[in-house]
Amino acid sequence: MTYQNPDAHARERAWIELSMAALEHNVSALKGLLRPGCELMAVLKADAYGHGADAIAPALDALGVRAYAVANIDEAVRLRRLGVRGEILIFGYTPPGRAATLAAMDLTQTVGSPDHARALSFRGLSAKCALEIDTGMHRSGLSWEDEAGAAEILTLPGIRVTQIYTHLSCSDSLEPEDAAWTGEQLKRFWGILDAVKRRGIPIPKIHVQSTYGLLNYPDLACDYVRVGVALYGVLSYVNRPTRVTPDLRPVLALKTVVTALRTVRAGEAVGYGRAYTAPRDAVVATLAVGYRDGVPRPLSGMGHVAIRGRLAPIVGKICMDNMTVDASAIPDVRVGDTATVIGGPLPAPLVAEQAGAFTPELFGRLSPDLPVVRLNTRSVR
C-alpha cells in the first residue's frame, strides 16, 4: 500500500483512511482485559487484515506491543524490516532451507510434526520454534494424543521451543454444544501439557485464545492472547453475543468520490445486464471504486454507501472499478463529494454480512493498491 498524508492526492479516486487514535484506544482496551502476566500478541497476517502492515506495525511497536503473529516467513521478514521489535510468530509452514533466515531475524517458527522439527534441528541454528497442538480442529499441528512426539520436539537440539499453543475452533460461539467442545479442546491441551511435565520437561510460554477466545474465555491463564480482528476495532459478526464486550473503535474506513451524476427516468435501466430498473425518476451517482478495490460484488442491489451523512442504496451491478448508487435522497449532491463504503454508519461487520461474508474476509479483499491516509498520527507515542 502507498501511504499519503491527508493533503496529498490520495482522495482523487478511492482510498483507505486509518484512525491511529482508534488503534491506540483498542490496544489499551484489549490490554485491560488480559490477566496479569499475559501479553497481547497482535495478529498482522494478510497485510494487517487489509489495513496495511507498513502503517499498523510501526504504530503498534511505538505503543509498546512486543509480540506479533503472521501467516508466513515473508510477512515476518517484512515486519523486521519495518523495525518491529519483540516476538514474531509464524503460523504457517516454512521450508527448512530458510532456517538461516529464521535464526538471523529472530523469528519463531511453528512446528506441528516431528519431521519438520527434526529438519529444522538438523540445521543446528538454534532457531526459535512454537509447538502447535491439534486439539480437534484438524487443520495443522501435532495430535494432542502424541505425548512422545511433543516430548521429542521440546527436547530436540538445534532448535529452541519457546511457545506451545492450540487453536480453538468454536470459541466464537456460546451455544451449549460449541462451549462444550471448547471445553473438550482445553482439556486435551492441558492434558498433553501435564503429560510433558510428568516427563520432567519444562513447559514454554502458552497461548490458546484468539479474539473470541479472549472475549468468551477471559479467565484462562496464558502467556499470550492472539488478537486479530478486534485490534482493528470491529468483530467478525453482527450481534453475536460475547461474555466480555470491550469498547472498540473501528480503525479503517474505505472511501471514494462521486465522479458523475445523471437523471434516470422511471423505467430506464442502470448497469450491466439491466440489473436495476428505476421505479421512478432518480439521480444516479457513479463512484470511482469497484470490486478490484475489494468492494464485494454481492452488495449489488443490496448494500449502501454514505454521502453527506445519508445512505444511498447501491443500484445496478458493481463493476471492476466503479459502481452506481441512487442519490435521489441526498440534497445538493455534487461531483467530487466523498462517499463512504465501509465505516461510519456502515460498519465493516454489517457490510460483510450483507455481502454474505464475515469481517476478516471483507478486509482481506481490500486491494493493496489503495492509497492509505493515516489520521491522528500525533496520538501515537
Protein backbone atom coordinates (compact mmCIF):
# COMPACT_ATOMS: atom_id res chain seq x y z
CA MET A 1 0.00 0.00 0.00
CA THR A 2 1.04 3.60 -0.62
CA TYR A 3 0.87 5.93 2.37
CA GLN A 4 -0.05 9.54 1.89
CA ASN A 5 -0.95 12.47 4.08
CA PRO A 6 -4.46 13.93 4.02
CA ASP A 7 -3.38 16.86 1.82
CA ALA A 8 -1.93 14.70 -0.97
CA HIS A 9 -3.80 13.39 -4.00
CA ALA A 10 -4.92 10.18 -2.30
CA ARG A 11 -8.53 11.29 -2.45
CA GLU A 12 -8.82 11.51 -6.22
CA ARG A 13 -10.38 8.05 -6.70
CA ALA A 14 -10.63 5.66 -3.76
CA TRP A 15 -8.62 5.36 -0.56
CA ILE A 16 -8.41 3.87 2.91
CA GLU A 17 -8.39 6.06 6.00
CA LEU A 18 -6.79 4.72 9.17
CA SER A 19 -7.54 6.25 12.56
CA MET A 20 -4.34 5.79 14.53
CA ALA A 21 -6.09 7.17 17.59
CA ALA A 22 -8.62 4.33 17.33
CA LEU A 23 -5.80 1.80 17.09
CA GLU A 24 -4.19 3.19 20.23
CA HIS A 25 -7.54 3.09 22.02
CA ASN A 26 -8.13 -0.53 21.02
CA VAL A 27 -4.70 -1.65 22.21
CA SER A 28 -5.39 -0.08 25.59
CA ALA A 29 -8.90 -1.56 25.82
CA LEU A 30 -7.74 -5.07 24.92
CA LYS A 31 -4.76 -4.98 27.25
CA GLY A 32 -7.22 -4.10 30.00
CA LEU A 33 -8.90 -7.48 29.53
CA LEU A 34 -5.72 -9.52 29.94
CA ARG A 35 -4.86 -11.40 33.11
CA PRO A 36 -1.74 -10.30 34.97
CA GLY A 37 1.37 -11.59 33.26
CA CYS A 38 -0.39 -12.13 29.93
CA GLU A 39 0.81 -10.28 26.83
CA LEU A 40 -1.08 -9.03 23.79
CA MET A 41 0.04 -10.79 20.59
CA ALA A 42 -1.04 -8.64 17.65
CA VAL A 43 -2.02 -10.67 14.59
CA LEU A 44 -0.81 -8.87 11.45
CA LYS A 45 -1.31 -11.54 8.81
CA ALA A 46 -2.80 -10.65 5.40
CA ASP A 47 -1.21 -7.20 5.45
CA ALA A 48 -2.60 -6.44 8.91
CA TYR A 49 -6.09 -7.57 7.92
CA GLY A 50 -6.02 -5.34 4.87
CA HIS A 51 -5.13 -2.24 6.88
CA GLY A 52 -1.52 -2.17 5.71
CA ALA A 53 1.27 -3.58 7.86
CA ASP A 54 3.52 -0.67 6.86
CA ALA A 55 1.24 1.64 8.85
CA ILE A 56 -0.04 -0.65 11.60
CA ALA A 57 3.16 -2.44 12.66
CA PRO A 58 5.32 0.64 13.44
CA ALA A 59 2.39 2.19 15.32
CA LEU A 60 1.98 -0.91 17.48
CA ASP A 61 5.72 -1.04 18.10
CA ALA A 62 5.59 2.59 19.23
CA LEU A 63 2.75 1.66 21.59
CA GLY A 64 4.91 -0.98 23.24
CA VAL A 65 3.44 -4.12 21.67
CA ARG A 66 6.20 -6.75 21.69
CA ALA A 67 4.52 -9.90 20.36
CA TYR A 68 3.16 -10.45 16.86
CA ALA A 69 1.82 -13.26 14.67
CA VAL A 70 1.83 -13.57 10.89
CA ALA A 71 0.94 -16.21 8.31
CA ASN A 72 4.32 -16.83 6.67
CA ILE A 73 8.02 -16.06 6.80
CA ASP A 74 7.83 -13.30 4.19
CA GLU A 75 5.31 -11.38 6.32
CA ALA A 76 7.62 -11.86 9.31
CA VAL A 77 10.67 -10.58 7.44
CA ARG A 78 8.67 -7.54 6.36
CA LEU A 79 7.87 -6.70 9.98
CA ARG A 80 11.52 -6.93 10.97
CA ARG A 81 12.48 -4.64 8.11
CA LEU A 82 9.88 -2.18 9.37
CA GLY A 83 11.77 -2.07 12.65
CA VAL A 84 9.33 -4.18 14.69
CA ARG A 85 10.86 -5.50 17.91
CA GLY A 86 9.90 -8.48 20.05
CA GLU A 87 8.47 -11.89 19.22
CA ILE A 88 7.17 -12.63 15.73
CA LEU A 89 5.35 -15.95 15.45
CA ILE A 90 4.89 -17.56 12.03
CA PHE A 91 1.72 -19.68 11.90
CA GLY A 92 2.37 -21.31 8.54
CA TYR A 93 4.97 -23.75 7.24
CA THR A 94 8.49 -22.56 6.48
CA PRO A 95 10.81 -24.84 4.48
CA PRO A 96 13.87 -25.94 6.47
CA GLY A 97 16.03 -24.38 3.78
CA ARG A 98 15.08 -20.98 5.15
CA ALA A 99 16.13 -21.79 8.71
CA ALA A 100 19.03 -19.37 8.47
CA THR A 101 16.59 -16.50 7.93
CA LEU A 102 14.54 -17.63 10.92
CA ALA A 103 17.62 -17.55 13.13
CA ALA A 104 19.14 -14.38 11.72
CA MET A 105 15.94 -12.38 12.14
CA ASP A 106 14.96 -13.92 15.49
CA LEU A 107 11.65 -15.28 14.19
CA THR A 108 9.58 -18.00 15.85
CA GLN A 109 8.54 -20.82 13.52
CA THR A 110 5.52 -23.02 14.20
CA VAL A 111 6.21 -26.75 14.09
CA GLY A 112 3.46 -29.35 14.13
CA SER A 113 5.29 -32.57 13.35
CA PRO A 114 8.49 -34.30 14.46
CA ASP A 115 9.68 -34.42 10.85
CA HIS A 116 9.52 -30.64 10.42
CA ALA A 117 11.11 -30.09 13.81
CA ARG A 118 13.92 -32.56 13.05
CA ALA A 119 14.63 -30.88 9.72
CA LEU A 120 14.98 -27.50 11.43
CA SER A 121 17.02 -29.08 14.23
CA PHE A 122 19.41 -30.59 11.70
CA ARG A 123 20.48 -27.07 10.66
CA GLY A 124 21.78 -26.51 14.20
CA LEU A 125 20.98 -22.80 14.14
CA SER A 126 19.02 -22.69 17.43
CA ALA A 127 16.05 -21.19 15.61
CA LYS A 128 13.13 -20.40 17.89
CA CYS A 129 10.05 -22.58 17.40
CA ALA A 130 6.48 -22.84 18.67
CA LEU A 131 4.85 -26.23 19.03
CA GLU A 132 1.28 -26.27 17.77
CA ILE A 133 -1.03 -28.88 19.28
CA ASP A 134 -4.04 -30.10 17.29
CA THR A 135 -6.78 -30.49 19.89
CA GLY A 136 -9.52 -31.20 17.36
CA MET A 137 -9.52 -28.52 14.70
CA HIS A 138 -7.72 -30.97 12.39
CA ARG A 139 -6.05 -28.32 10.25
CA SER A 140 -2.46 -28.41 11.44
CA GLY A 141 -0.40 -29.27 14.49
CA LEU A 142 0.73 -32.31 16.47
CA SER A 143 -2.05 -34.55 17.77
CA TRP A 144 -2.97 -33.96 21.39
CA GLU A 145 -2.54 -37.71 21.90
CA ASP A 146 1.08 -37.75 20.70
CA GLU A 147 2.86 -37.25 24.02
CA ALA A 148 6.06 -38.86 22.75
CA GLY A 149 6.13 -36.56 19.73
CA ALA A 150 5.66 -33.50 21.91
CA ALA A 151 8.42 -34.61 24.25
CA GLU A 152 10.79 -35.18 21.34
CA ILE A 153 10.11 -31.79 19.75
CA LEU A 154 10.51 -29.96 23.05
CA THR A 155 13.93 -31.53 23.67
CA LEU A 156 15.49 -31.54 20.20
CA PRO A 157 18.93 -29.94 19.94
CA GLY A 158 19.43 -27.23 17.35
CA ILE A 159 16.07 -25.52 17.96
CA ARG A 160 14.58 -23.67 20.93
CA VAL A 161 10.87 -24.24 21.55
CA THR A 162 9.72 -21.05 23.26
CA GLN A 163 5.95 -21.35 22.80
CA ILE A 164 3.26 -24.04 22.74
CA TYR A 165 -0.28 -23.31 21.56
CA THR A 166 -3.52 -24.57 20.09
CA HIS A 167 -6.40 -23.13 18.07
CA LEU A 168 -9.94 -23.23 19.47
CA SER A 169 -12.33 -23.91 16.60
CA CYS A 170 -15.59 -22.72 18.22
CA SER A 171 -14.58 -20.09 20.75
CA ASP A 172 -16.63 -17.50 18.83
CA SER A 173 -19.86 -19.27 19.83
CA LEU A 174 -21.58 -19.52 23.20
CA GLU A 175 -24.05 -22.16 22.03
CA PRO A 176 -24.01 -25.02 24.57
CA GLU A 177 -22.64 -27.63 22.15
CA ASP A 178 -19.89 -25.29 20.96
CA ALA A 179 -18.99 -24.27 24.51
CA ALA A 180 -18.78 -27.96 25.47
CA TRP A 181 -16.48 -28.62 22.51
CA THR A 182 -14.24 -25.70 23.52
CA GLY A 183 -14.07 -27.21 26.99
CA GLU A 184 -13.00 -30.52 25.48
CA GLN A 185 -10.28 -28.85 23.43
CA LEU A 186 -8.96 -27.08 26.52
CA LYS A 187 -9.00 -30.36 28.47
CA ARG A 188 -6.94 -32.02 25.73
CA PHE A 189 -4.44 -29.15 25.64
CA TRP A 190 -3.91 -29.03 29.41
CA GLY A 191 -3.69 -32.84 29.32
CA ILE A 192 -0.73 -33.00 26.96
CA LEU A 193 0.99 -30.24 28.91
CA ASP A 194 0.60 -32.27 32.09
CA ALA A 195 1.94 -35.38 30.34
CA VAL A 196 5.03 -33.48 29.20
CA LYS A 197 5.55 -32.07 32.70
CA ARG A 198 5.47 -35.60 34.14
CA ARG A 199 8.42 -36.41 31.89
CA GLY A 200 10.34 -33.61 33.58
CA ILE A 201 10.26 -31.32 30.53
CA PRO A 202 9.75 -27.59 31.20
CA ILE A 203 6.71 -26.03 29.51
CA PRO A 204 7.38 -22.93 27.36
CA LYS A 205 5.01 -19.98 27.11
CA ILE A 206 1.45 -21.00 26.22
CA HIS A 207 -1.46 -19.45 24.32
CA VAL A 208 -4.88 -20.70 23.24
CA GLN A 209 -7.06 -17.59 22.85
CA SER A 210 -7.68 -15.56 19.74
CA THR A 211 -10.05 -12.57 19.75
CA TYR A 212 -13.17 -14.55 20.60
CA GLY A 213 -11.24 -16.78 22.97
CA LEU A 214 -10.41 -13.64 24.94
CA LEU A 215 -13.96 -12.28 24.82
CA ASN A 216 -15.64 -15.57 25.75
CA TYR A 217 -12.99 -17.18 27.96
CA PRO A 218 -11.16 -14.23 29.52
CA ASP A 219 -10.11 -16.10 32.68
CA LEU A 220 -7.79 -18.61 31.00
CA ALA A 221 -4.27 -18.36 32.39
CA CYS A 222 -1.97 -17.96 29.39
CA ASP A 223 1.19 -16.08 28.48
CA TYR A 224 -0.17 -14.56 25.25
CA VAL A 225 -3.54 -13.77 23.68
CA ARG A 226 -3.55 -13.66 19.88
CA VAL A 227 -5.75 -10.70 18.96
CA GLY A 228 -6.66 -10.19 15.32
CA VAL A 229 -9.88 -8.57 14.17
CA ALA A 230 -10.65 -6.82 17.50
CA LEU A 231 -7.34 -4.97 17.27
CA TYR A 232 -8.80 -3.15 14.27
CA GLY A 233 -11.85 -2.09 16.26
CA VAL A 234 -14.51 -4.49 15.00
CA LEU A 235 -15.65 -8.06 15.49
CA SER A 236 -16.25 -10.78 12.92
CA TYR A 237 -20.04 -10.87 13.11
CA VAL A 238 -23.04 -8.63 13.70
CA ASN A 239 -24.86 -9.07 17.02
CA ARG A 240 -23.07 -12.26 18.09
CA PRO A 241 -23.01 -12.21 21.91
CA THR A 242 -19.76 -12.47 23.88
CA ARG A 243 -19.14 -12.73 27.60
CA VAL A 244 -16.96 -9.62 27.54
CA THR A 245 -17.75 -6.57 25.41
CA PRO A 246 -14.80 -4.22 25.10
CA ASP A 247 -15.13 -0.63 23.92
CA LEU A 248 -13.64 -0.86 20.42
CA ARG A 249 -13.29 1.83 17.77
CA PRO A 250 -13.03 1.00 14.05
CA VAL A 251 -9.64 1.85 12.59
CA LEU A 252 -10.45 1.60 8.88
CA ALA A 253 -12.78 3.41 6.50
CA LEU A 254 -12.97 2.85 2.75
CA LYS A 255 -13.91 6.00 0.86
CA THR A 256 -14.31 7.15 -2.73
CA VAL A 257 -15.64 10.10 -4.72
CA VAL A 258 -18.68 10.87 -6.85
CA THR A 259 -17.42 11.16 -10.43
CA ALA A 260 -20.70 11.63 -12.31
CA LEU A 261 -24.38 12.42 -11.77
CA ARG A 262 -27.23 11.72 -14.15
CA THR A 263 -31.01 11.67 -14.06
CA VAL A 264 -32.51 8.29 -14.91
CA ARG A 265 -36.17 8.29 -15.88
CA ALA A 266 -38.69 5.83 -14.50
CA GLY A 267 -38.46 2.56 -16.40
CA GLU A 268 -34.85 3.05 -17.53
CA ALA A 269 -32.21 0.51 -16.56
CA VAL A 270 -28.82 1.00 -14.91
CA GLY A 271 -25.67 -1.09 -15.33
CA TYR A 272 -24.67 -4.41 -16.86
CA GLY A 273 -27.48 -6.83 -17.60
CA ARG A 274 -30.02 -4.08 -16.95
CA ALA A 275 -29.94 -5.39 -13.40
CA TYR A 276 -31.76 -2.38 -11.98
CA THR A 277 -34.76 -0.60 -13.42
CA ALA A 278 -35.66 2.76 -11.87
CA PRO A 279 -39.21 2.68 -10.43
CA ARG A 280 -39.30 6.49 -10.61
CA ASP A 281 -37.12 9.32 -11.85
CA ALA A 282 -33.85 9.11 -9.93
CA VAL A 283 -30.49 10.82 -9.56
CA VAL A 284 -27.82 8.16 -10.07
CA ALA A 285 -24.29 8.82 -8.88
CA THR A 286 -21.25 7.00 -10.23
CA LEU A 287 -18.50 6.25 -7.69
CA ALA A 288 -14.85 5.57 -8.52
CA VAL A 289 -14.50 2.27 -6.66
CA GLY A 290 -15.35 -1.31 -7.55
CA TYR A 291 -14.65 -4.96 -6.95
CA ARG A 292 -10.98 -4.59 -7.99
CA ASP A 293 -10.63 -2.44 -4.87
CA GLY A 294 -12.30 -5.02 -2.66
CA VAL A 295 -15.95 -3.95 -2.73
CA PRO A 296 -17.84 -7.28 -2.73
CA ARG A 297 -19.96 -7.70 -5.86
CA PRO A 298 -22.78 -9.39 -3.87
CA LEU A 299 -23.53 -5.92 -2.44
CA SER A 300 -25.03 -5.07 -5.85
CA GLY A 301 -28.63 -4.10 -5.26
CA MET A 302 -28.32 -4.79 -1.52
CA GLY A 303 -25.76 -2.52 0.12
CA HIS A 304 -25.46 1.21 0.68
CA VAL A 305 -22.87 3.98 0.76
CA ALA A 306 -22.95 7.14 2.83
CA ILE A 307 -22.84 10.56 1.13
CA ARG A 308 -23.27 13.81 3.05
CA GLY A 309 -24.36 11.85 6.10
CA ARG A 310 -27.16 9.99 4.33
CA LEU A 311 -27.38 6.47 2.97
CA ALA A 312 -27.65 5.87 -0.75
CA PRO A 313 -28.60 2.37 -1.99
CA ILE A 314 -26.31 0.61 -4.44
CA VAL A 315 -28.13 0.13 -7.75
CA GLY A 316 -27.00 -1.91 -10.73
CA LYS A 317 -24.11 -4.35 -10.67
CA ILE A 318 -20.85 -3.33 -9.02
CA CYS A 319 -18.19 -3.09 -11.74
CA MET A 320 -14.45 -3.64 -11.67
CA ASP A 321 -13.57 -0.04 -10.92
CA ASN A 322 -16.83 1.82 -10.40
CA MET A 323 -20.34 1.44 -9.04
CA THR A 324 -23.62 3.32 -9.08
CA VAL A 325 -25.92 4.44 -6.29
CA ASP A 326 -29.30 6.13 -6.08
CA ALA A 327 -28.51 9.59 -4.70
CA SER A 328 -32.02 10.99 -5.09
CA ALA A 329 -32.49 11.49 -1.35
CA ILE A 330 -29.22 13.39 -0.86
CA PRO A 331 -29.72 17.17 -1.05
CA ASP A 332 -27.16 19.12 -3.09
CA VAL A 333 -25.16 16.03 -4.04
CA ARG A 334 -22.25 17.04 -6.28
CA VAL A 335 -19.47 15.56 -8.35
CA GLY A 336 -16.44 15.37 -6.05
CA ASP A 337 -18.43 14.52 -2.93
CA THR A 338 -16.93 11.86 -0.67
CA ALA A 339 -18.77 8.55 -0.36
CA THR A 340 -18.07 6.10 2.46
CA VAL A 341 -18.30 2.43 1.51
CA ILE A 342 -17.01 0.95 4.79
CA GLY A 343 -17.02 2.88 8.04
CA GLY A 344 -19.15 5.38 9.91
CA PRO A 345 -22.81 4.36 9.54
CA LEU A 346 -21.70 1.30 7.55
CA PRO A 347 -19.51 -0.71 9.95
CA ALA A 348 -17.42 -3.48 8.45
CA PRO A 349 -19.33 -6.36 10.12
CA LEU A 350 -22.61 -5.08 8.65
CA VAL A 351 -21.15 -4.64 5.16
CA ALA A 352 -19.61 -8.10 5.37
CA GLU A 353 -22.88 -9.69 6.46
CA GLN A 354 -24.77 -8.03 3.61
CA ALA A 355 -22.18 -9.48 1.21
CA GLY A 356 -22.57 -12.98 2.64
CA ALA A 357 -19.11 -12.84 4.24
CA PHE A 358 -17.58 -12.03 7.62
CA THR A 359 -15.37 -9.15 8.64
CA PRO A 360 -11.86 -10.63 8.16
CA GLU A 361 -12.88 -11.82 4.68
CA LEU A 362 -14.10 -8.33 3.79
CA PHE A 363 -10.83 -6.79 4.97
CA GLY A 364 -8.86 -9.45 3.15
CA ARG A 365 -10.42 -8.40 -0.16
CA LEU A 366 -9.18 -4.82 0.05
CA SER A 367 -6.71 -4.05 -2.69
CA PRO A 368 -3.10 -3.36 -1.62
CA ASP A 369 -3.05 -0.74 -4.39
CA LEU A 370 -5.41 1.54 -2.48
CA PRO A 371 -3.67 4.63 -1.10
CA VAL A 372 -3.81 4.93 2.68
CA VAL A 373 -4.32 8.16 4.61
CA ARG A 374 -3.24 7.98 8.25
CA LEU A 375 -5.22 10.21 10.60
CA ASN A 376 -4.43 11.24 14.19
CA THR A 377 -0.80 10.19 13.86
CA ARG A 378 0.28 12.53 16.64
CA SER A 379 -1.75 10.49 19.15
CA VAL A 380 0.60 7.54 18.68
CA ARG A 381 3.53 7.96 21.04
